[in-house]
């Protein structure tokens, strides 16, 4: 049974793909999985992926999110973090849980909100994935209209910008046009492995805020 498969304990790094999965069944599975779980989901085109991140994956996403906060501080911009919130919209038959995400241009629209309804709320302005992102994940982000998607994998940062409903890879982030984030993020990700996270964050803040 499908419900039995959902209850399987995934090992870190494992990914399960289920299809076809109707929207109703997708909603049921979300309920079965619950909010207190380590796994993440992606749903698009009746395909559901359930992923169990590796420990280093979790460490990377937290560090990149901290770097983004420092970049926003350097720009003196306000923002709201929504972490791995479940974003879904039935009309688009899509759902996704990013590694991390930020409302920046639209931060005022989500202040104080614990739940996001994409029929009335905007999608996050910036989403972050710290692993190889599957087609299901990309299709979900596209369908939900997330303007900017960062994918950090194998020591490189890819910046994807939504244009005419599809992502185009660019070298300059529209959110941080004055910073070479495509170079800075990988550089300080590696730096953290040498000197530790706290020192790397201090050095990054000096580099972008001074």
N, C-alpha and C. Protein backbone atom coordinates (compact mmCIF):
# COMPACT_ATOMS: atom_id res chain seq x y z
N UNK A 1 0.84 -1.20 0.00
CA UNK A 1 0.00 0.00 0.00
C UNK A 1 0.87 1.25 0.00
N UNK A 2 0.37 2.32 -0.61
CA UNK A 2 1.13 3.56 -0.66
C UNK A 2 1.40 4.10 0.72
N UNK A 3 0.38 4.05 1.62
CA UNK A 3 0.56 4.59 2.96
C UNK A 3 1.64 3.85 3.72
N UNK A 4 1.77 2.53 3.49
CA UNK A 4 2.83 1.76 4.13
C UNK A 4 4.20 2.23 3.66
N UNK A 5 4.31 2.51 2.36
CA UNK A 5 5.58 2.97 1.81
C UNK A 5 5.98 4.30 2.43
N UNK A 6 5.00 5.17 2.68
CA UNK A 6 5.29 6.48 3.24
C UNK A 6 5.89 6.36 4.62
N UNK A 7 5.49 5.34 5.36
CA UNK A 7 5.96 5.21 6.73
C UNK A 7 7.34 4.56 6.83
N UNK A 8 7.92 4.17 5.70
CA UNK A 8 9.27 3.61 5.73
C UNK A 8 10.26 4.64 6.24
N UNK A 9 11.22 4.18 7.03
CA UNK A 9 12.26 5.08 7.52
C UNK A 9 13.32 5.25 6.43
N UNK A 10 13.43 6.46 5.91
CA UNK A 10 14.44 6.72 4.90
C UNK A 10 15.78 6.96 5.56
N UNK A 11 16.82 6.38 5.00
CA UNK A 11 18.17 6.65 5.48
C UNK A 11 18.62 8.00 4.95
N UNK A 12 19.50 8.70 5.69
CA UNK A 12 20.01 9.99 5.20
C UNK A 12 20.56 9.86 3.78
N UNK A 13 20.13 10.76 2.92
CA UNK A 13 20.58 10.74 1.53
C UNK A 13 19.65 9.99 0.60
N UNK A 14 18.67 9.27 1.14
CA UNK A 14 17.77 8.49 0.29
C UNK A 14 16.63 9.36 -0.24
N UNK A 15 16.12 8.95 -1.40
CA UNK A 15 15.02 9.67 -2.06
C UNK A 15 14.04 8.64 -2.61
N UNK A 16 12.75 8.84 -2.34
CA UNK A 16 11.71 7.96 -2.85
C UNK A 16 10.84 8.75 -3.81
N UNK A 17 10.55 8.16 -4.99
CA UNK A 17 9.69 8.80 -5.98
C UNK A 17 8.42 7.98 -6.15
N UNK A 18 7.26 8.66 -6.07
CA UNK A 18 5.96 8.00 -6.22
C UNK A 18 5.18 8.67 -7.34
N UNK A 19 4.56 7.86 -8.20
CA UNK A 19 3.73 8.42 -9.27
C UNK A 19 2.83 7.34 -9.86
N UNK A 20 1.66 7.69 -10.36
CA UNK A 20 1.06 9.03 -10.27
C UNK A 20 0.43 9.24 -8.90
N UNK A 21 0.51 10.47 -8.41
CA UNK A 21 -0.08 10.84 -7.13
C UNK A 21 -1.01 12.02 -7.37
N UNK A 22 -2.30 11.83 -7.08
CA UNK A 22 -3.28 12.90 -7.27
C UNK A 22 -3.06 13.99 -6.23
N UNK A 23 -3.66 15.16 -6.45
CA UNK A 23 -3.54 16.24 -5.48
C UNK A 23 -4.14 15.83 -4.13
N UNK A 24 -5.28 15.15 -4.18
CA UNK A 24 -5.91 14.71 -2.94
C UNK A 24 -5.00 13.77 -2.16
N UNK A 25 -4.36 12.84 -2.89
CA UNK A 25 -3.46 11.90 -2.22
C UNK A 25 -2.22 12.62 -1.71
N UNK A 26 -1.75 13.60 -2.45
CA UNK A 26 -0.61 14.41 -2.01
C UNK A 26 -0.92 15.08 -0.67
N UNK A 27 -2.12 15.67 -0.56
CA UNK A 27 -2.53 16.30 0.68
C UNK A 27 -2.61 15.28 1.82
N UNK A 28 -3.12 14.09 1.52
CA UNK A 28 -3.22 13.04 2.53
C UNK A 28 -1.83 12.62 3.02
N UNK A 29 -0.90 12.49 2.08
CA UNK A 29 0.45 12.08 2.44
C UNK A 29 1.13 13.13 3.30
N UNK A 30 0.91 14.41 2.97
CA UNK A 30 1.46 15.48 3.81
C UNK A 30 0.95 15.35 5.24
N UNK A 31 -0.33 15.03 5.37
CA UNK A 31 -0.90 14.85 6.69
C UNK A 31 -0.31 13.65 7.41
N UNK A 32 -0.07 12.55 6.67
CA UNK A 32 0.52 11.36 7.25
C UNK A 32 1.95 11.61 7.71
N UNK A 33 2.68 12.37 6.91
CA UNK A 33 4.08 12.65 7.25
C UNK A 33 4.18 13.57 8.46
N UNK A 34 3.24 14.50 8.59
CA UNK A 34 3.24 15.41 9.72
C UNK A 34 4.26 16.53 9.55
N UNK A 35 4.22 17.48 10.48
CA UNK A 35 5.11 18.64 10.43
C UNK A 35 6.47 18.35 11.06
N UNK A 36 6.52 17.47 12.04
CA UNK A 36 7.77 17.20 12.75
C UNK A 36 8.49 16.02 12.10
N UNK A 37 9.22 16.33 11.06
CA UNK A 37 9.95 15.29 10.33
C UNK A 37 11.21 15.88 9.73
N UNK A 38 12.15 15.00 9.42
CA UNK A 38 13.40 15.45 8.81
C UNK A 38 13.32 15.43 7.29
N UNK A 39 12.41 14.62 6.75
CA UNK A 39 12.30 14.51 5.30
C UNK A 39 11.66 15.75 4.70
N UNK A 40 11.91 15.95 3.40
CA UNK A 40 11.32 17.06 2.65
C UNK A 40 10.62 16.50 1.43
N UNK A 41 9.68 17.28 0.89
CA UNK A 41 8.89 16.81 -0.26
C UNK A 41 8.99 17.77 -1.43
N UNK A 42 8.74 17.22 -2.62
CA UNK A 42 8.57 18.02 -3.83
C UNK A 42 7.48 17.34 -4.64
N UNK A 43 6.55 18.14 -5.18
CA UNK A 43 5.43 17.58 -5.93
C UNK A 43 5.15 18.42 -7.16
N UNK A 44 5.12 17.76 -8.31
CA UNK A 44 4.77 18.44 -9.57
C UNK A 44 4.43 17.38 -10.60
N UNK A 45 3.44 17.70 -11.46
CA UNK A 45 3.07 16.82 -12.57
C UNK A 45 2.75 15.41 -12.06
N UNK A 46 2.04 15.33 -10.93
CA UNK A 46 1.60 14.08 -10.30
C UNK A 46 2.76 13.18 -9.86
N UNK A 47 3.94 13.78 -9.71
CA UNK A 47 5.10 13.05 -9.18
C UNK A 47 5.44 13.60 -7.81
N UNK A 48 5.58 12.71 -6.84
CA UNK A 48 5.92 13.11 -5.48
C UNK A 48 7.28 12.53 -5.12
N UNK A 49 8.17 13.38 -4.67
CA UNK A 49 9.48 12.95 -4.18
C UNK A 49 9.57 13.24 -2.68
N UNK A 50 10.08 12.25 -1.95
CA UNK A 50 10.32 12.42 -0.52
C UNK A 50 11.81 12.17 -0.29
N UNK A 51 12.48 13.15 0.33
CA UNK A 51 13.94 13.10 0.46
C UNK A 51 14.35 13.20 1.93
N UNK A 52 15.38 12.45 2.30
CA UNK A 52 15.95 12.53 3.64
C UNK A 52 17.35 13.13 3.52
N UNK A 53 17.54 14.39 3.93
CA UNK A 53 18.83 15.06 3.73
C UNK A 53 19.96 14.42 4.54
N UNK A 54 21.17 14.55 4.03
CA UNK A 54 22.37 14.14 4.76
C UNK A 54 22.72 15.20 5.79
N UNK A 55 23.46 14.83 6.86
CA UNK A 55 23.84 15.82 7.87
C UNK A 55 24.61 17.00 7.29
N UNK A 56 25.52 16.74 6.33
CA UNK A 56 26.29 17.84 5.74
C UNK A 56 25.40 18.77 4.92
N UNK A 57 24.30 18.20 4.41
CA UNK A 57 23.32 18.99 3.67
C UNK A 57 22.69 20.03 4.61
N UNK A 58 22.33 19.58 5.81
CA UNK A 58 21.73 20.49 6.79
C UNK A 58 22.70 21.58 7.20
N UNK A 59 23.96 21.21 7.40
CA UNK A 59 24.98 22.17 7.80
C UNK A 59 25.17 23.23 6.71
N UNK A 60 25.19 22.79 5.46
CA UNK A 60 25.40 23.71 4.34
C UNK A 60 24.25 24.70 4.21
N UNK A 61 23.01 24.22 4.35
CA UNK A 61 21.87 25.12 4.15
C UNK A 61 21.82 26.20 5.23
N UNK A 62 22.17 25.82 6.46
CA UNK A 62 22.17 26.81 7.54
C UNK A 62 23.23 27.87 7.29
N UNK A 63 24.40 27.43 6.84
CA UNK A 63 25.50 28.37 6.61
C UNK A 63 25.17 29.32 5.46
N UNK A 64 24.64 28.80 4.37
CA UNK A 64 24.29 29.66 3.24
C UNK A 64 23.22 30.67 3.65
N UNK A 65 22.24 30.23 4.43
CA UNK A 65 21.21 31.15 4.90
C UNK A 65 21.83 32.27 5.75
N UNK A 66 22.82 31.93 6.57
CA UNK A 66 23.51 32.95 7.37
C UNK A 66 24.26 33.94 6.48
N UNK A 67 24.84 33.44 5.40
CA UNK A 67 25.53 34.33 4.46
C UNK A 67 24.54 35.28 3.79
N UNK A 68 23.37 34.76 3.42
CA UNK A 68 22.34 35.60 2.81
C UNK A 68 21.91 36.70 3.77
N UNK A 69 21.76 36.37 5.04
CA UNK A 69 21.37 37.37 6.04
C UNK A 69 22.41 38.49 6.14
N UNK A 70 23.68 38.12 6.03
CA UNK A 70 24.73 39.13 6.08
C UNK A 70 24.72 40.01 4.83
N UNK A 71 24.41 39.41 3.69
CA UNK A 71 24.29 40.20 2.46
C UNK A 71 23.13 41.20 2.58
N UNK A 72 22.02 40.75 3.15
CA UNK A 72 20.88 41.63 3.35
C UNK A 72 21.22 42.74 4.34
N UNK A 73 21.99 42.39 5.36
CA UNK A 73 22.43 43.39 6.34
C UNK A 73 23.31 44.44 5.65
N UNK A 74 24.19 43.99 4.76
CA UNK A 74 25.07 44.92 4.04
C UNK A 74 24.26 45.88 3.17
N UNK A 75 23.14 45.39 2.65
CA UNK A 75 22.27 46.23 1.81
C UNK A 75 21.28 47.05 2.64
N UNK A 76 21.29 46.80 3.96
CA UNK A 76 20.35 47.48 4.86
C UNK A 76 18.90 47.23 4.43
N UNK A 77 18.63 45.96 4.12
CA UNK A 77 17.29 45.59 3.67
C UNK A 77 16.59 44.76 4.74
N UNK A 78 15.27 44.87 4.78
CA UNK A 78 14.48 44.06 5.70
C UNK A 78 14.03 42.79 5.00
N UNK A 79 13.77 41.75 5.79
CA UNK A 79 13.43 40.46 5.21
C UNK A 79 12.70 39.62 6.24
N UNK A 80 12.05 38.57 5.75
CA UNK A 80 11.41 37.58 6.61
C UNK A 80 11.86 36.19 6.15
N UNK A 81 12.38 35.37 7.08
CA UNK A 81 12.80 34.01 6.71
C UNK A 81 11.65 33.03 6.90
N UNK A 82 11.46 32.12 5.94
CA UNK A 82 10.40 31.12 6.08
C UNK A 82 10.95 29.70 6.09
N UNK A 83 12.28 29.56 6.07
CA UNK A 83 12.89 28.23 6.22
C UNK A 83 12.37 27.22 5.22
N UNK A 84 12.02 26.03 5.74
CA UNK A 84 11.54 24.93 4.88
C UNK A 84 10.02 24.82 4.91
N UNK A 85 9.35 25.96 4.93
CA UNK A 85 7.89 26.00 4.88
C UNK A 85 7.37 25.22 3.68
N UNK A 86 6.24 24.55 3.83
CA UNK A 86 5.61 23.87 2.70
C UNK A 86 4.83 24.88 1.88
N UNK A 87 5.23 25.06 0.64
CA UNK A 87 4.53 25.94 -0.30
C UNK A 87 3.79 25.07 -1.29
N UNK A 88 2.49 25.30 -1.45
CA UNK A 88 1.73 24.47 -2.39
C UNK A 88 0.56 25.25 -2.96
N UNK A 89 0.16 24.85 -4.16
CA UNK A 89 -0.98 25.49 -4.80
C UNK A 89 -1.66 24.49 -5.71
N UNK A 90 -2.93 24.21 -5.40
CA UNK A 90 -3.66 23.17 -6.13
C UNK A 90 -3.81 23.49 -7.60
N UNK A 91 -4.08 24.76 -7.91
CA UNK A 91 -4.29 25.12 -9.33
C UNK A 91 -3.07 24.82 -10.18
N UNK A 92 -1.90 24.88 -9.57
CA UNK A 92 -0.65 24.62 -10.28
C UNK A 92 -0.18 23.17 -10.11
N UNK A 93 -0.93 22.41 -9.30
CA UNK A 93 -0.56 21.01 -9.01
C UNK A 93 0.90 20.90 -8.61
N UNK A 94 1.31 21.77 -7.69
CA UNK A 94 2.72 21.81 -7.30
C UNK A 94 2.85 22.09 -5.81
N UNK A 95 3.91 21.52 -5.23
CA UNK A 95 4.24 21.77 -3.83
C UNK A 95 5.73 21.57 -3.63
N UNK A 96 6.31 22.33 -2.71
CA UNK A 96 7.76 22.25 -2.50
C UNK A 96 8.10 22.69 -1.08
N UNK A 97 9.17 22.13 -0.54
CA UNK A 97 9.73 22.56 0.73
C UNK A 97 11.20 22.89 0.50
N UNK A 98 11.54 24.16 0.36
CA UNK A 98 12.93 24.54 0.08
C UNK A 98 13.84 24.24 1.26
N UNK A 99 15.14 24.17 1.00
CA UNK A 99 16.08 24.08 2.12
C UNK A 99 15.96 25.33 2.98
N UNK A 100 15.82 26.46 2.33
CA UNK A 100 15.60 27.72 3.03
C UNK A 100 15.03 28.71 2.03
N UNK A 101 14.39 29.74 2.54
CA UNK A 101 13.85 30.75 1.63
C UNK A 101 13.67 32.07 2.36
N UNK A 102 13.60 33.14 1.57
CA UNK A 102 13.49 34.49 2.12
C UNK A 102 12.46 35.30 1.35
N UNK A 103 11.68 36.04 2.12
CA UNK A 103 10.85 37.11 1.54
C UNK A 103 11.63 38.39 1.73
N UNK A 104 11.89 39.08 0.65
CA UNK A 104 12.71 40.29 0.70
C UNK A 104 11.90 41.47 0.14
N UNK A 105 11.67 41.47 -1.18
CA UNK A 105 10.84 42.53 -1.76
C UNK A 105 9.43 42.49 -1.16
N UNK A 106 8.95 41.28 -0.87
CA UNK A 106 7.59 41.10 -0.38
C UNK A 106 7.54 40.74 1.11
N UNK A 107 8.54 41.16 1.86
CA UNK A 107 8.62 40.73 3.26
C UNK A 107 7.41 41.19 4.09
N UNK A 108 6.87 42.36 3.77
CA UNK A 108 5.75 42.88 4.57
C UNK A 108 4.49 42.02 4.43
N UNK A 109 4.39 41.30 3.31
CA UNK A 109 3.19 40.50 3.05
C UNK A 109 3.08 39.27 3.96
N UNK A 110 4.20 38.87 4.57
CA UNK A 110 4.18 37.62 5.36
C UNK A 110 4.56 37.84 6.82
N UNK A 111 4.71 39.07 7.24
CA UNK A 111 5.07 39.33 8.64
C UNK A 111 4.01 38.72 9.56
N UNK A 112 4.47 37.92 10.52
CA UNK A 112 3.57 37.34 11.51
C UNK A 112 2.80 36.12 11.05
N UNK A 113 2.99 35.68 9.79
CA UNK A 113 2.22 34.55 9.28
C UNK A 113 2.96 33.23 9.53
N UNK A 114 2.25 32.24 10.09
CA UNK A 114 2.80 30.91 10.30
C UNK A 114 2.49 29.98 9.14
N UNK A 115 1.45 30.30 8.39
CA UNK A 115 1.04 29.52 7.23
C UNK A 115 0.94 30.44 6.03
N UNK A 116 1.42 29.95 4.89
CA UNK A 116 1.37 30.74 3.66
C UNK A 116 0.34 30.14 2.72
N UNK A 117 -0.54 30.98 2.20
CA UNK A 117 -1.55 30.56 1.22
C UNK A 117 -1.22 31.24 -0.10
N UNK A 118 -0.69 30.47 -1.04
CA UNK A 118 -0.22 31.06 -2.30
C UNK A 118 -1.35 31.52 -3.21
N UNK A 119 -2.59 31.29 -2.81
CA UNK A 119 -3.68 31.86 -3.59
C UNK A 119 -3.83 33.35 -3.28
N UNK A 120 -3.30 33.77 -2.12
CA UNK A 120 -3.37 35.19 -1.75
C UNK A 120 -1.99 35.78 -1.42
N UNK A 121 -1.06 34.93 -0.98
CA UNK A 121 0.28 35.40 -0.61
C UNK A 121 1.25 35.20 -1.77
N UNK A 122 2.27 36.04 -1.89
CA UNK A 122 3.29 35.83 -2.93
C UNK A 122 4.20 34.67 -2.55
N UNK A 123 4.89 34.08 -3.53
CA UNK A 123 5.89 33.06 -3.21
C UNK A 123 7.13 33.74 -2.65
N UNK A 124 8.05 33.00 -2.04
CA UNK A 124 9.28 33.63 -1.54
C UNK A 124 10.07 34.26 -2.68
N UNK A 125 10.77 35.33 -2.39
CA UNK A 125 11.57 36.02 -3.41
C UNK A 125 12.83 35.25 -3.75
N UNK A 126 13.37 34.53 -2.76
CA UNK A 126 14.60 33.77 -2.97
C UNK A 126 14.48 32.43 -2.26
N UNK A 127 14.71 31.35 -3.00
CA UNK A 127 14.74 30.01 -2.42
C UNK A 127 16.13 29.42 -2.60
N UNK A 128 16.51 28.57 -1.65
CA UNK A 128 17.86 27.99 -1.65
C UNK A 128 17.77 26.47 -1.57
N UNK A 129 18.51 25.81 -2.44
CA UNK A 129 18.65 24.36 -2.40
C UNK A 129 20.13 24.03 -2.34
N UNK A 130 20.51 23.13 -1.44
CA UNK A 130 21.92 22.80 -1.29
C UNK A 130 22.18 21.36 -1.68
N UNK A 131 21.69 21.00 -2.85
CA UNK A 131 21.93 19.67 -3.39
C UNK A 131 21.52 19.70 -4.85
N UNK A 132 21.77 18.60 -5.57
CA UNK A 132 21.33 18.51 -6.95
C UNK A 132 19.81 18.51 -6.95
N UNK A 133 19.21 19.47 -7.60
CA UNK A 133 17.76 19.60 -7.61
C UNK A 133 17.18 18.82 -8.78
N UNK A 134 16.17 17.98 -8.50
CA UNK A 134 15.55 17.15 -9.52
C UNK A 134 14.62 17.96 -10.41
N UNK A 135 14.17 17.36 -11.50
CA UNK A 135 13.23 18.04 -12.39
C UNK A 135 11.92 18.31 -11.67
N UNK A 136 11.52 17.39 -10.79
CA UNK A 136 10.28 17.60 -10.03
C UNK A 136 10.38 18.85 -9.18
N UNK A 137 11.52 19.04 -8.50
CA UNK A 137 11.71 20.23 -7.68
C UNK A 137 11.71 21.49 -8.53
N UNK A 138 12.45 21.46 -9.65
CA UNK A 138 12.50 22.63 -10.53
C UNK A 138 11.13 22.98 -11.08
N UNK A 139 10.38 21.96 -11.51
CA UNK A 139 9.04 22.20 -12.04
C UNK A 139 8.14 22.81 -10.97
N UNK A 140 8.30 22.35 -9.72
CA UNK A 140 7.48 22.89 -8.63
C UNK A 140 7.80 24.36 -8.38
N UNK A 141 9.08 24.69 -8.33
CA UNK A 141 9.48 26.09 -8.13
C UNK A 141 8.96 26.97 -9.27
N UNK A 142 9.07 26.47 -10.50
CA UNK A 142 8.59 27.22 -11.65
C UNK A 142 7.09 27.43 -11.57
N UNK A 143 6.35 26.35 -11.27
CA UNK A 143 4.89 26.43 -11.22
C UNK A 143 4.42 27.40 -10.14
N UNK A 144 5.14 27.45 -9.03
CA UNK A 144 4.76 28.32 -7.91
C UNK A 144 5.25 29.76 -8.11
N UNK A 145 6.07 29.98 -9.12
CA UNK A 145 6.50 31.33 -9.47
C UNK A 145 7.55 31.94 -8.57
N UNK A 146 8.46 31.11 -8.04
CA UNK A 146 9.55 31.64 -7.21
C UNK A 146 10.54 32.36 -8.12
N UNK A 147 10.74 33.68 -7.93
CA UNK A 147 11.53 34.47 -8.88
C UNK A 147 13.00 34.08 -8.98
N UNK A 148 13.61 33.70 -7.85
CA UNK A 148 15.05 33.41 -7.86
C UNK A 148 15.33 32.16 -7.04
N UNK A 149 16.06 31.24 -7.64
CA UNK A 149 16.39 29.96 -7.00
C UNK A 149 17.90 29.74 -7.05
N UNK A 150 18.50 29.57 -5.88
CA UNK A 150 19.92 29.24 -5.80
C UNK A 150 20.08 27.74 -5.58
N UNK A 151 20.98 27.14 -6.32
CA UNK A 151 21.30 25.73 -6.13
C UNK A 151 22.79 25.61 -5.88
N UNK A 152 23.16 25.19 -4.67
CA UNK A 152 24.57 25.00 -4.34
C UNK A 152 24.85 23.50 -4.33
N UNK A 153 25.72 23.06 -5.22
CA UNK A 153 26.04 21.64 -5.31
C UNK A 153 27.45 21.47 -5.87
N UNK A 154 28.15 20.50 -5.32
CA UNK A 154 29.52 20.18 -5.77
C UNK A 154 30.44 21.40 -5.77
N UNK A 155 30.28 22.25 -4.73
CA UNK A 155 31.16 23.40 -4.58
C UNK A 155 30.88 24.56 -5.50
N UNK A 156 29.74 24.54 -6.19
CA UNK A 156 29.40 25.63 -7.11
C UNK A 156 28.00 26.14 -6.81
N UNK A 157 27.80 27.44 -7.08
CA UNK A 157 26.49 28.06 -6.92
C UNK A 157 25.90 28.37 -8.28
N UNK A 158 24.67 27.92 -8.50
CA UNK A 158 23.94 28.25 -9.72
C UNK A 158 22.79 29.17 -9.35
N UNK A 159 22.70 30.29 -10.07
CA UNK A 159 21.64 31.26 -9.83
C UNK A 159 20.63 31.14 -10.97
N UNK A 160 19.39 30.81 -10.61
CA UNK A 160 18.33 30.64 -11.61
C UNK A 160 17.29 31.74 -11.43
N UNK A 161 16.96 32.41 -12.52
CA UNK A 161 15.98 33.50 -12.50
C UNK A 161 14.80 33.10 -13.38
N UNK A 162 13.59 33.31 -12.85
CA UNK A 162 12.39 32.93 -13.58
C UNK A 162 12.06 33.95 -14.66
N UNK A 163 11.99 33.48 -15.89
CA UNK A 163 11.64 34.34 -17.03
C UNK A 163 10.65 33.59 -17.91
N UNK A 164 9.48 34.19 -18.11
CA UNK A 164 8.43 33.59 -18.94
C UNK A 164 8.10 32.17 -18.48
N UNK A 165 8.07 31.97 -17.17
CA UNK A 165 7.66 30.69 -16.61
C UNK A 165 8.73 29.62 -16.55
N UNK A 166 9.96 29.95 -16.97
CA UNK A 166 11.05 28.97 -16.94
C UNK A 166 12.30 29.61 -16.35
N UNK A 167 13.16 28.76 -15.78
CA UNK A 167 14.38 29.28 -15.18
C UNK A 167 15.50 29.44 -16.20
N UNK A 168 16.19 30.56 -16.07
CA UNK A 168 17.38 30.81 -16.88
C UNK A 168 18.55 31.02 -15.92
N UNK A 169 19.65 30.31 -16.17
CA UNK A 169 20.82 30.44 -15.30
C UNK A 169 21.57 31.73 -15.63
N UNK A 170 21.88 32.50 -14.60
CA UNK A 170 22.57 33.78 -14.78
C UNK A 170 23.79 33.83 -13.87
N UNK A 171 24.65 34.80 -14.10
CA UNK A 171 25.87 34.92 -13.30
C UNK A 171 25.76 35.99 -12.22
N UNK A 172 24.72 36.84 -12.31
CA UNK A 172 24.53 37.91 -11.33
C UNK A 172 23.15 37.75 -10.69
N UNK A 173 23.11 37.77 -9.36
CA UNK A 173 21.85 37.66 -8.65
C UNK A 173 21.07 38.97 -8.73
N UNK A 174 19.81 38.95 -9.18
CA UNK A 174 18.99 40.16 -9.19
C UNK A 174 18.76 40.71 -7.78
N UNK A 175 18.80 39.83 -6.78
CA UNK A 175 18.60 40.26 -5.40
C UNK A 175 19.83 40.96 -4.85
N UNK A 176 21.01 40.52 -5.29
CA UNK A 176 22.28 41.10 -4.81
C UNK A 176 23.17 41.47 -5.99
N UNK A 177 22.73 42.41 -6.82
CA UNK A 177 23.48 42.72 -8.04
C UNK A 177 24.87 43.30 -7.81
N UNK A 178 25.10 43.89 -6.64
CA UNK A 178 26.41 44.51 -6.38
C UNK A 178 27.41 43.56 -5.75
N UNK A 179 27.01 42.32 -5.54
CA UNK A 179 27.92 41.32 -4.96
C UNK A 179 28.09 40.14 -5.92
N UNK A 180 29.33 39.67 -6.03
CA UNK A 180 29.61 38.50 -6.88
C UNK A 180 29.32 37.23 -6.10
N UNK A 181 28.03 37.01 -5.78
CA UNK A 181 27.66 35.88 -4.92
C UNK A 181 28.02 34.53 -5.55
N UNK A 182 28.05 34.47 -6.87
CA UNK A 182 28.38 33.22 -7.54
C UNK A 182 29.80 32.76 -7.20
N UNK A 183 30.65 33.72 -6.82
CA UNK A 183 32.01 33.41 -6.37
C UNK A 183 32.12 33.42 -4.84
N UNK A 184 31.47 34.39 -4.21
CA UNK A 184 31.58 34.56 -2.76
C UNK A 184 31.04 33.37 -1.98
N UNK A 185 29.88 32.86 -2.36
CA UNK A 185 29.26 31.77 -1.61
C UNK A 185 30.15 30.52 -1.61
N UNK A 186 30.60 30.03 -2.79
CA UNK A 186 31.50 28.86 -2.77
C UNK A 186 32.80 29.13 -2.02
N UNK A 187 33.33 30.34 -2.17
CA UNK A 187 34.59 30.68 -1.50
C UNK A 187 34.47 30.55 0.01
N UNK A 188 33.38 31.07 0.58
CA UNK A 188 33.25 31.03 2.03
C UNK A 188 32.68 29.70 2.52
N UNK A 189 32.03 28.96 1.66
CA UNK A 189 31.65 27.59 2.03
C UNK A 189 32.90 26.76 2.27
N UNK A 190 33.89 26.93 1.39
CA UNK A 190 35.16 26.22 1.56
C UNK A 190 35.94 26.78 2.75
N UNK A 191 35.88 28.07 2.93
CA UNK A 191 36.59 28.70 4.05
C UNK A 191 36.10 28.16 5.39
N UNK A 192 34.80 27.93 5.50
CA UNK A 192 34.21 27.42 6.74
C UNK A 192 34.76 26.03 7.09
N UNK A 193 35.12 25.26 6.07
CA UNK A 193 35.67 23.93 6.32
C UNK A 193 37.09 23.99 6.88
N UNK A 194 37.72 25.14 6.70
CA UNK A 194 39.11 25.29 7.15
C UNK A 194 39.17 25.96 8.52
N UNK A 195 38.43 27.07 8.68
CA UNK A 195 38.54 27.86 9.92
C UNK A 195 37.33 27.71 10.83
N UNK A 196 36.29 27.03 10.36
CA UNK A 196 35.07 26.91 11.15
C UNK A 196 34.02 27.93 10.73
N UNK A 197 32.79 27.62 11.06
CA UNK A 197 31.66 28.44 10.62
C UNK A 197 31.70 29.85 11.21
N UNK A 198 31.93 29.96 12.52
CA UNK A 198 31.85 31.29 13.15
C UNK A 198 32.89 32.24 12.60
N UNK A 199 34.13 31.76 12.41
CA UNK A 199 35.17 32.64 11.87
C UNK A 199 34.88 32.99 10.42
N UNK A 200 34.40 32.01 9.65
CA UNK A 200 34.08 32.27 8.25
C UNK A 200 32.98 33.33 8.14
N UNK A 201 32.01 33.29 9.03
CA UNK A 201 30.94 34.28 9.01
C UNK A 201 31.49 35.67 9.36
N UNK A 202 32.40 35.72 10.33
CA UNK A 202 33.02 37.00 10.69
C UNK A 202 33.78 37.58 9.50
N UNK A 203 34.54 36.73 8.80
CA UNK A 203 35.32 37.19 7.65
C UNK A 203 34.40 37.63 6.51
N UNK A 204 33.31 36.91 6.33
CA UNK A 204 32.37 37.26 5.27
C UNK A 204 31.71 38.62 5.57
N UNK A 205 31.36 38.83 6.83
CA UNK A 205 30.73 40.11 7.19
C UNK A 205 31.71 41.27 6.96
N UNK A 206 32.97 41.06 7.28
CA UNK A 206 33.97 42.10 7.01
C UNK A 206 34.08 42.37 5.50
N UNK A 207 33.99 41.30 4.73
CA UNK A 207 34.16 41.44 3.27
C UNK A 207 32.98 42.18 2.61
N UNK A 208 31.77 41.97 3.11
CA UNK A 208 30.62 42.54 2.42
C UNK A 208 30.03 43.77 3.12
N UNK A 209 30.32 43.94 4.40
CA UNK A 209 29.71 45.04 5.14
C UNK A 209 30.62 46.23 5.37
N UNK A 210 31.91 46.05 5.10
CA UNK A 210 32.86 47.15 5.36
C UNK A 210 32.90 48.13 4.18
